[in-house]
């Protein structure tokens, strides 16, 4: 019985040591680039990635609705 306890304790120490020495996993980035340029919607002020924004006359918009609303002002 004493030998079994010693084996379990040694196994736990080895497992904990491996986890502590292991490099932490890098977080997943949901497909976004590290230095993606953000722009502000001219209508509501929210910031969105430039690639997802709609652009007209030098202004950026977060949705077609906001672009249309700005055109009708």
PDB file of N, CA and C in Angstrom:
ATOM      1  N   UNK A   1       0.814  -1.195   0.000  1.00  0.00           N
ATOM      2  CA  UNK A   1       0.000   0.000   0.000  1.00  0.00           C
ATOM      3  C   UNK A   1       0.866   1.271   0.000  1.00  0.00           C
ATOM      4  N   UNK A   2       1.931   1.245   0.779  1.00  0.00           N
ATOM      5  CA  UNK A   2       2.823   2.396   0.871  1.00  0.00           C
ATOM      6  C   UNK A   2       3.510   2.646  -0.476  1.00  0.00           C
ATOM      7  N   UNK A   3       3.873   1.617  -1.160  1.00  0.00           N
ATOM      8  CA  UNK A   3       4.514   1.735  -2.466  1.00  0.00           C
ATOM      9  C   UNK A   3       3.568   2.373  -3.484  1.00  0.00           C
ATOM     10  N   UNK A   4       2.297   2.010  -3.423  1.00  0.00           N
ATOM     11  CA  UNK A   4       1.306   2.568  -4.342  1.00  0.00           C
ATOM     12  C   UNK A   4       1.156   4.072  -4.126  1.00  0.00           C
ATOM     13  N   UNK A   5       1.132   4.524  -2.898  1.00  0.00           N
ATOM     14  CA  UNK A   5       1.034   5.950  -2.588  1.00  0.00           C
ATOM     15  C   UNK A   5       2.261   6.689  -3.114  1.00  0.00           C
ATOM     16  N   UNK A   6       3.441   6.113  -2.948  1.00  0.00           N
ATOM     17  CA  UNK A   6       4.677   6.736  -3.436  1.00  0.00           C
ATOM     18  C   UNK A   6       4.648   6.851  -4.955  1.00  0.00           C
ATOM     19  N   UNK A   7       4.180   5.818  -5.632  1.00  0.00           N
ATOM     20  CA  UNK A   7       4.104   5.848  -7.107  1.00  0.00           C
ATOM     21  C   UNK A   7       3.132   6.928  -7.569  1.00  0.00           C
ATOM     22  N   UNK A   8       1.993   7.068  -6.898  1.00  0.00           N
ATOM     23  CA  UNK A   8       1.008   8.093  -7.271  1.00  0.00           C
ATOM     24  C   UNK A   8       1.573   9.496  -7.044  1.00  0.00           C
ATOM     25  N   UNK A   9       2.255   9.702  -5.930  1.00  0.00           N
ATOM     26  CA  UNK A   9       2.842  11.007  -5.632  1.00  0.00           C
ATOM     27  C   UNK A   9       3.913  11.366  -6.665  1.00  0.00           C
ATOM     28  N   UNK A  10       4.757  10.428  -7.027  1.00  0.00           N
ATOM     29  CA  UNK A  10       5.804  10.671  -8.018  1.00  0.00           C
ATOM     30  C   UNK A  10       5.174  10.979  -9.378  1.00  0.00           C
ATOM     31  N   UNK A  11       4.129  10.246  -9.743  1.00  0.00           N
ATOM     32  CA  UNK A  11       3.447  10.485 -11.015  1.00  0.00           C
ATOM     33  C   UNK A  11       2.844  11.890 -11.043  1.00  0.00           C
ATOM     34  N   UNK A  12       2.231  12.314  -9.955  1.00  0.00           N
ATOM     35  CA  UNK A  12       1.658  13.663  -9.892  1.00  0.00           C
ATOM     36  C   UNK A  12       2.732  14.736 -10.001  1.00  0.00           C
ATOM     37  N   UNK A  13       3.866  14.517  -9.364  1.00  0.00           N
ATOM     38  CA  UNK A  13       4.970  15.485  -9.441  1.00  0.00           C
ATOM     39  C   UNK A  13       5.482  15.594 -10.868  1.00  0.00           C
ATOM     40  N   UNK A  14       5.600  14.480 -11.564  1.00  0.00           N
ATOM     41  CA  UNK A  14       6.069  14.486 -12.954  1.00  0.00           C
ATOM     42  C   UNK A  14       5.073  15.229 -13.846  1.00  0.00           C
ATOM     43  N   UNK A  15       3.786  14.965 -13.660  1.00  0.00           N
ATOM     44  CA  UNK A  15       2.756  15.635 -14.476  1.00  0.00           C
ATOM     45  C   UNK A  15       2.771  17.136 -14.232  1.00  0.00           C
ATOM     46  N   UNK A  16       2.843  17.544 -12.984  1.00  0.00           N
ATOM     47  CA  UNK A  16       2.869  18.976 -12.656  1.00  0.00           C
ATOM     48  C   UNK A  16       4.131  19.638 -13.201  1.00  0.00           C
ATOM     49  N   UNK A  17       5.265  18.970 -13.100  1.00  0.00           N
ATOM     50  CA  UNK A  17       6.522  19.529 -13.613  1.00  0.00           C
ATOM     51  C   UNK A  17       6.461  19.712 -15.124  1.00  0.00           C
ATOM     52  N   UNK A  18       5.889  18.748 -15.840  1.00  0.00           N
ATOM     53  CA  UNK A  18       5.766  18.863 -17.302  1.00  0.00           C
ATOM     54  C   UNK A  18       4.900  20.062 -17.675  1.00  0.00           C
ATOM     55  N   UNK A  19       3.805  20.250 -16.963  1.00  0.00           N
ATOM     56  CA  UNK A  19       2.915  21.381 -17.276  1.00  0.00           C
ATOM     57  C   UNK A  19       3.567  22.722 -16.971  1.00  0.00           C
ATOM     58  N   UNK A  20       4.342  22.789 -15.917  1.00  0.00           N
ATOM     59  CA  UNK A  20       5.012  24.038 -15.573  1.00  0.00           C
ATOM     60  C   UNK A  20       6.126  24.390 -16.550  1.00  0.00           C
ATOM     61  N   UNK A  21       6.812  23.380 -17.078  1.00  0.00           N
ATOM     62  CA  UNK A  21       7.911  23.616 -18.009  1.00  0.00           C
ATOM     63  C   UNK A  21       7.445  23.815 -19.443  1.00  0.00           C
ATOM     64  N   UNK A  22       6.216  23.462 -19.710  1.00  0.00           N
ATOM     65  CA  UNK A  22       5.666  23.576 -21.056  1.00  0.00           C
ATOM     66  C   UNK A  22       5.357  25.037 -21.364  1.00  0.00           C
ATOM     67  N   UNK A  23       5.578  25.472 -22.617  1.00  0.00           N
ATOM     68  CA  UNK A  23       5.245  26.828 -23.021  1.00  0.00           C
ATOM     69  C   UNK A  23       3.732  26.994 -23.000  1.00  0.00           C
ATOM     70  N   UNK A  24       3.261  28.149 -22.580  1.00  0.00           N
ATOM     71  CA  UNK A  24       1.806  28.362 -22.568  1.00  0.00           C
ATOM     72  C   UNK A  24       1.276  28.396 -23.998  1.00  0.00           C
ATOM     73  N   UNK A  25       0.100  27.851 -24.226  1.00  0.00           N
ATOM     74  CA  UNK A  25      -0.461  27.869 -25.582  1.00  0.00           C
ATOM     75  C   UNK A  25      -0.803  29.289 -26.007  1.00  0.00           C
ATOM     76  N   UNK A  26      -0.580  29.572 -27.279  1.00  0.00           N
ATOM     77  CA  UNK A  26      -0.907  30.904 -27.790  1.00  0.00           C
ATOM     78  C   UNK A  26      -2.411  30.981 -28.023  1.00  0.00           C
ATOM     79  N   UNK A  27      -3.034  32.093 -27.676  1.00  0.00           N
ATOM     80  CA  UNK A  27      -4.483  32.214 -27.844  1.00  0.00           C
ATOM     81  C   UNK A  27      -4.867  32.289 -29.319  1.00  0.00           C
ATOM     82  N   UNK A  28      -5.985  31.697 -29.666  1.00  0.00           N
ATOM     83  CA  UNK A  28      -6.491  31.750 -31.041  1.00  0.00           C
ATOM     84  C   UNK A  28      -6.978  33.169 -31.327  1.00  0.00           C
ATOM     85  N   UNK A  29      -6.784  33.614 -32.549  1.00  0.00           N
ATOM     86  CA  UNK A  29      -7.115  34.998 -32.887  1.00  0.00           C
ATOM     87  C   UNK A  29      -8.334  35.138 -33.795  1.00  0.00           C
ATOM     88  N   UNK A  30      -9.175  34.226 -33.913  1.00  0.00           N
ATOM     89  CA  UNK A  30     -10.397  34.308 -34.713  1.00  0.00           C
ATOM     90  C   UNK A  30     -10.169  34.921 -36.089  1.00  0.00           C
ATOM     91  N   UNK A  31      -9.046  34.641 -36.698  1.00  0.00           N
ATOM     92  CA  UNK A  31      -8.789  35.074 -38.062  1.00  0.00           C
ATOM     93  C   UNK A  31      -8.385  36.530 -38.221  1.00  0.00           C
ATOM     94  N   UNK A  32      -8.233  37.279 -37.140  1.00  0.00           N
ATOM     95  CA  UNK A  32      -7.837  38.675 -37.281  1.00  0.00           C
ATOM     96  C   UNK A  32      -6.321  38.795 -37.337  1.00  0.00           C
ATOM     97  N   UNK A  33      -5.860  39.737 -38.115  1.00  0.00           N
ATOM     98  CA  UNK A  33      -4.433  40.011 -38.193  1.00  0.00           C
ATOM     99  C   UNK A  33      -4.009  40.790 -36.959  1.00  0.00           C
ATOM    100  N   UNK A  34      -2.745  40.704 -36.615  1.00  0.00           N
ATOM    101  CA  UNK A  34      -2.250  41.335 -35.400  1.00  0.00           C
ATOM    102  C   UNK A  34      -2.359  42.857 -35.446  1.00  0.00           C
ATOM    103  N   UNK A  35      -1.996  43.472 -36.557  1.00  0.00           N
ATOM    104  CA  UNK A  35      -1.986  44.934 -36.660  1.00  0.00           C
ATOM    105  C   UNK A  35      -3.016  45.415 -37.669  1.00  0.00           C
ATOM    106  N   UNK A  36      -4.244  45.004 -37.513  1.00  0.00           N
ATOM    107  CA  UNK A  36      -5.288  45.396 -38.445  1.00  0.00           C
ATOM    108  C   UNK A  36      -5.706  46.848 -38.180  1.00  0.00           C
ATOM    109  N   UNK A  37      -5.849  47.626 -39.231  1.00  0.00           N
ATOM    110  CA  UNK A  37      -6.186  49.049 -39.109  1.00  0.00           C
ATOM    111  C   UNK A  37      -7.685  49.195 -38.836  1.00  0.00           C
ATOM    112  N   UNK A  38      -8.024  49.957 -37.783  1.00  0.00           N
ATOM    113  CA  UNK A  38      -9.411  50.181 -37.409  1.00  0.00           C
ATOM    114  C   UNK A  38      -9.837  51.579 -37.858  1.00  0.00           C
ATOM    115  N   UNK A  39     -11.094  51.694 -38.304  1.00  0.00           N
ATOM    116  CA  UNK A  39     -11.651  52.979 -38.721  1.00  0.00           C
ATOM    117  C   UNK A  39     -12.954  53.218 -37.971  1.00  0.00           C
ATOM    118  N   UNK A  40     -13.353  54.482 -37.896  1.00  0.00           N
ATOM    119  CA  UNK A  40     -14.548  54.850 -37.146  1.00  0.00           C
ATOM    120  C   UNK A  40     -15.707  55.129 -38.091  1.00  0.00           C
ATOM    121  N   UNK A  41     -16.880  54.590 -37.750  1.00  0.00           N
ATOM    122  CA  UNK A  41     -18.086  54.829 -38.543  1.00  0.00           C
ATOM    123  C   UNK A  41     -18.459  56.309 -38.425  1.00  0.00           C
ATOM    124  N   UNK A  42     -18.705  56.953 -39.568  1.00  0.00           N
ATOM    125  CA  UNK A  42     -19.045  58.378 -39.579  1.00  0.00           C
ATOM    126  C   UNK A  42     -20.437  58.626 -39.007  1.00  0.00           C
ATOM    127  N   UNK A  43     -21.267  57.614 -38.906  1.00  0.00           N
ATOM    128  CA  UNK A  43     -22.625  57.782 -38.404  1.00  0.00           C
ATOM    129  C   UNK A  43     -22.739  57.533 -36.905  1.00  0.00           C
ATOM    130  N   UNK A  44     -22.264  56.376 -36.435  1.00  0.00           N
ATOM    131  CA  UNK A  44     -22.462  56.025 -35.020  1.00  0.00           C
ATOM    132  C   UNK A  44     -21.182  56.087 -34.186  1.00  0.00           C
ATOM    133  N   UNK A  45     -20.016  56.142 -34.823  1.00  0.00           N
ATOM    134  CA  UNK A  45     -18.760  56.284 -34.100  1.00  0.00           C
ATOM    135  C   UNK A  45     -18.099  54.989 -33.667  1.00  0.00           C
ATOM    136  N   UNK A  46     -18.692  53.847 -33.985  1.00  0.00           N
ATOM    137  CA  UNK A  46     -18.100  52.565 -33.607  1.00  0.00           C
ATOM    138  C   UNK A  46     -16.859  52.298 -34.458  1.00  0.00           C
ATOM    139  N   UNK A  47     -15.873  51.628 -33.868  1.00  0.00           N
ATOM    140  CA  UNK A  47     -14.657  51.279 -34.604  1.00  0.00           C
ATOM    141  C   UNK A  47     -14.793  49.873 -35.169  1.00  0.00           C
ATOM    142  N   UNK A  48     -14.416  49.725 -36.436  1.00  0.00           N
ATOM    143  CA  UNK A  48     -14.485  48.436 -37.126  1.00  0.00           C
ATOM    144  C   UNK A  48     -13.225  48.269 -37.971  1.00  0.00           C
ATOM    145  N   UNK A  49     -12.860  47.016 -38.290  1.00  0.00           N
ATOM    146  CA  UNK A  49     -11.703  46.804 -39.172  1.00  0.00           C
ATOM    147  C   UNK A  49     -11.946  47.451 -40.536  1.00  0.00           C
ATOM    148  N   UNK A  50     -10.919  48.063 -41.076  1.00  0.00           N
ATOM    149  CA  UNK A  50     -11.048  48.772 -42.356  1.00  0.00           C
ATOM    150  C   UNK A  50     -11.532  47.842 -43.470  1.00  0.00           C
ATOM    151  N   UNK A  51     -11.120  46.592 -43.432  1.00  0.00           N
ATOM    152  CA  UNK A  51     -11.519  45.644 -44.469  1.00  0.00           C
ATOM    153  C   UNK A  51     -13.017  45.346 -44.438  1.00  0.00           C
ATOM    154  N   UNK A  52     -13.663  45.496 -43.279  1.00  0.00           N
ATOM    155  CA  UNK A  52     -15.090  45.223 -43.161  1.00  0.00           C
ATOM    156  C   UNK A  52     -15.946  46.471 -43.349  1.00  0.00           C
ATOM    157  N   UNK A  53     -15.335  47.639 -43.376  1.00  0.00           N
ATOM    158  CA  UNK A  53     -16.075  48.899 -43.451  1.00  0.00           C
ATOM    159  C   UNK A  53     -16.506  49.204 -44.880  1.00  0.00           C
ATOM    160  N   UNK A  54     -17.596  49.936 -44.982  1.00  0.00           N
ATOM    161  CA  UNK A  54     -18.046  50.459 -46.267  1.00  0.00           C
ATOM    162  C   UNK A  54     -17.523  51.886 -46.369  1.00  0.00           C
ATOM    163  N   UNK A  55     -17.057  52.274 -47.561  1.00  0.00           N
ATOM    164  CA  UNK A  55     -16.439  53.585 -47.712  1.00  0.00           C
ATOM    165  C   UNK A  55     -17.135  54.366 -48.812  1.00  0.00           C
ATOM    166  N   UNK A  56     -17.335  55.658 -48.544  1.00  0.00           N
ATOM    167  CA  UNK A  56     -17.898  56.551 -49.559  1.00  0.00           C
ATOM    168  C   UNK A  56     -17.442  57.962 -49.247  1.00  0.00           C
ATOM    169  N   UNK A  57     -16.897  58.625 -50.234  1.00  0.00           N
ATOM    170  CA  UNK A  57     -16.455  60.018 -50.142  1.00  0.00           C
ATOM    171  C   UNK A  57     -15.501  60.233 -48.965  1.00  0.00           C
ATOM    172  N   UNK A  58     -14.606  59.282 -48.746  1.00  0.00           N
ATOM    173  CA  UNK A  58     -13.601  59.425 -47.702  1.00  0.00           C
ATOM    174  C   UNK A  58     -14.095  59.117 -46.298  1.00  0.00           C
ATOM    175  N   UNK A  59     -15.343  58.712 -46.166  1.00  0.00           N
ATOM    176  CA  UNK A  59     -15.897  58.351 -44.866  1.00  0.00           C
ATOM    177  C   UNK A  59     -16.126  56.842 -44.808  1.00  0.00           C
ATOM    178  N   UNK A  60     -16.047  56.303 -43.599  1.00  0.00           N
ATOM    179  CA  UNK A  60     -16.258  54.877 -43.390  1.00  0.00           C
ATOM    180  C   UNK A  60     -17.560  54.652 -42.640  1.00  0.00           C
ATOM    181  N   UNK A  61     -18.219  53.534 -42.943  1.00  0.00           N
ATOM    182  CA  UNK A  61     -19.492  53.191 -42.309  1.00  0.00           C
ATOM    183  C   UNK A  61     -19.483  51.720 -41.904  1.00  0.00           C
ATOM    184  N   UNK A  62     -20.177  51.432 -40.796  1.00  0.00           N
ATOM    185  CA  UNK A  62     -20.199  50.060 -40.285  1.00  0.00           C
ATOM    186  C   UNK A  62     -21.272  49.210 -40.956  1.00  0.00           C
ATOM    187  N   UNK A  63     -22.257  49.845 -41.600  1.00  0.00           N
ATOM    188  CA  UNK A  63     -23.328  49.081 -42.245  1.00  0.00           C
ATOM    189  C   UNK A  63     -23.894  49.873 -43.418  1.00  0.00           C
ATOM    190  N   UNK A  64     -24.618  49.162 -44.265  1.00  0.00           N
ATOM    191  CA  UNK A  64     -25.264  49.807 -45.409  1.00  0.00           C
ATOM    192  C   UNK A  64     -26.317  50.800 -44.926  1.00  0.00           C
ATOM    193  N   UNK A  65     -26.991  50.490 -43.842  1.00  0.00           N
ATOM    194  CA  UNK A  65     -28.007  51.380 -43.277  1.00  0.00           C
ATOM    195  C   UNK A  65     -27.408  52.729 -42.903  1.00  0.00           C
ATOM    196  N   UNK A  66     -26.254  52.733 -42.246  1.00  0.00           N
ATOM    197  CA  UNK A  66     -25.623  53.987 -41.850  1.00  0.00           C
ATOM    198  C   UNK A  66     -25.109  54.753 -43.066  1.00  0.00           C
ATOM    199  N   UNK A  67     -24.632  54.054 -44.068  1.00  0.00           N
ATOM    200  CA  UNK A  67     -24.190  54.728 -45.287  1.00  0.00           C
ATOM    201  C   UNK A  67     -25.377  55.403 -45.962  1.00  0.00           C
ATOM    202  N   UNK A  68     -26.508  54.694 -46.064  1.00  0.00           N
ATOM    203  CA  UNK A  68     -27.717  55.255 -46.691  1.00  0.00           C
ATOM    204  C   UNK A  68     -28.269  56.444 -45.904  1.00  0.00           C
ATOM    205  N   UNK A  69     -28.251  56.334 -44.568  1.00  0.00           N
ATOM    206  CA  UNK A  69     -28.736  57.434 -43.730  1.00  0.00           C
ATOM    207  C   UNK A  69     -27.889  58.689 -43.931  1.00  0.00           C
ATOM    208  N   UNK A  70     -26.597  58.523 -44.070  1.00  0.00           N
ATOM    209  CA  UNK A  70     -25.720  59.666 -44.268  1.00  0.00           C
ATOM    210  C   UNK A  70     -25.919  60.299 -45.645  1.00  0.00           C
ATOM    211  N   UNK A  71     -26.274  59.495 -46.636  1.00  0.00           N
ATOM    212  CA  UNK A  71     -26.515  60.013 -47.988  1.00  0.00           C
ATOM    213  C   UNK A  71     -27.785  60.849 -48.042  1.00  0.00           C
ATOM    214  N   UNK A  72     -28.758  60.524 -47.193  1.00  0.00           N
ATOM    215  CA  UNK A  72     -30.045  61.219 -47.222  1.00  0.00           C
ATOM    216  C   UNK A  72     -30.110  62.429 -46.300  1.00  0.00           C
ATOM    217  N   UNK A  73     -29.014  62.801 -45.695  1.00  0.00           N
ATOM    218  CA  UNK A  73     -28.989  63.994 -44.822  1.00  0.00           C
ATOM    219  C   UNK A  73     -28.889  65.238 -45.636  1.00  0.00           C
TER     220      UNK A  73
END
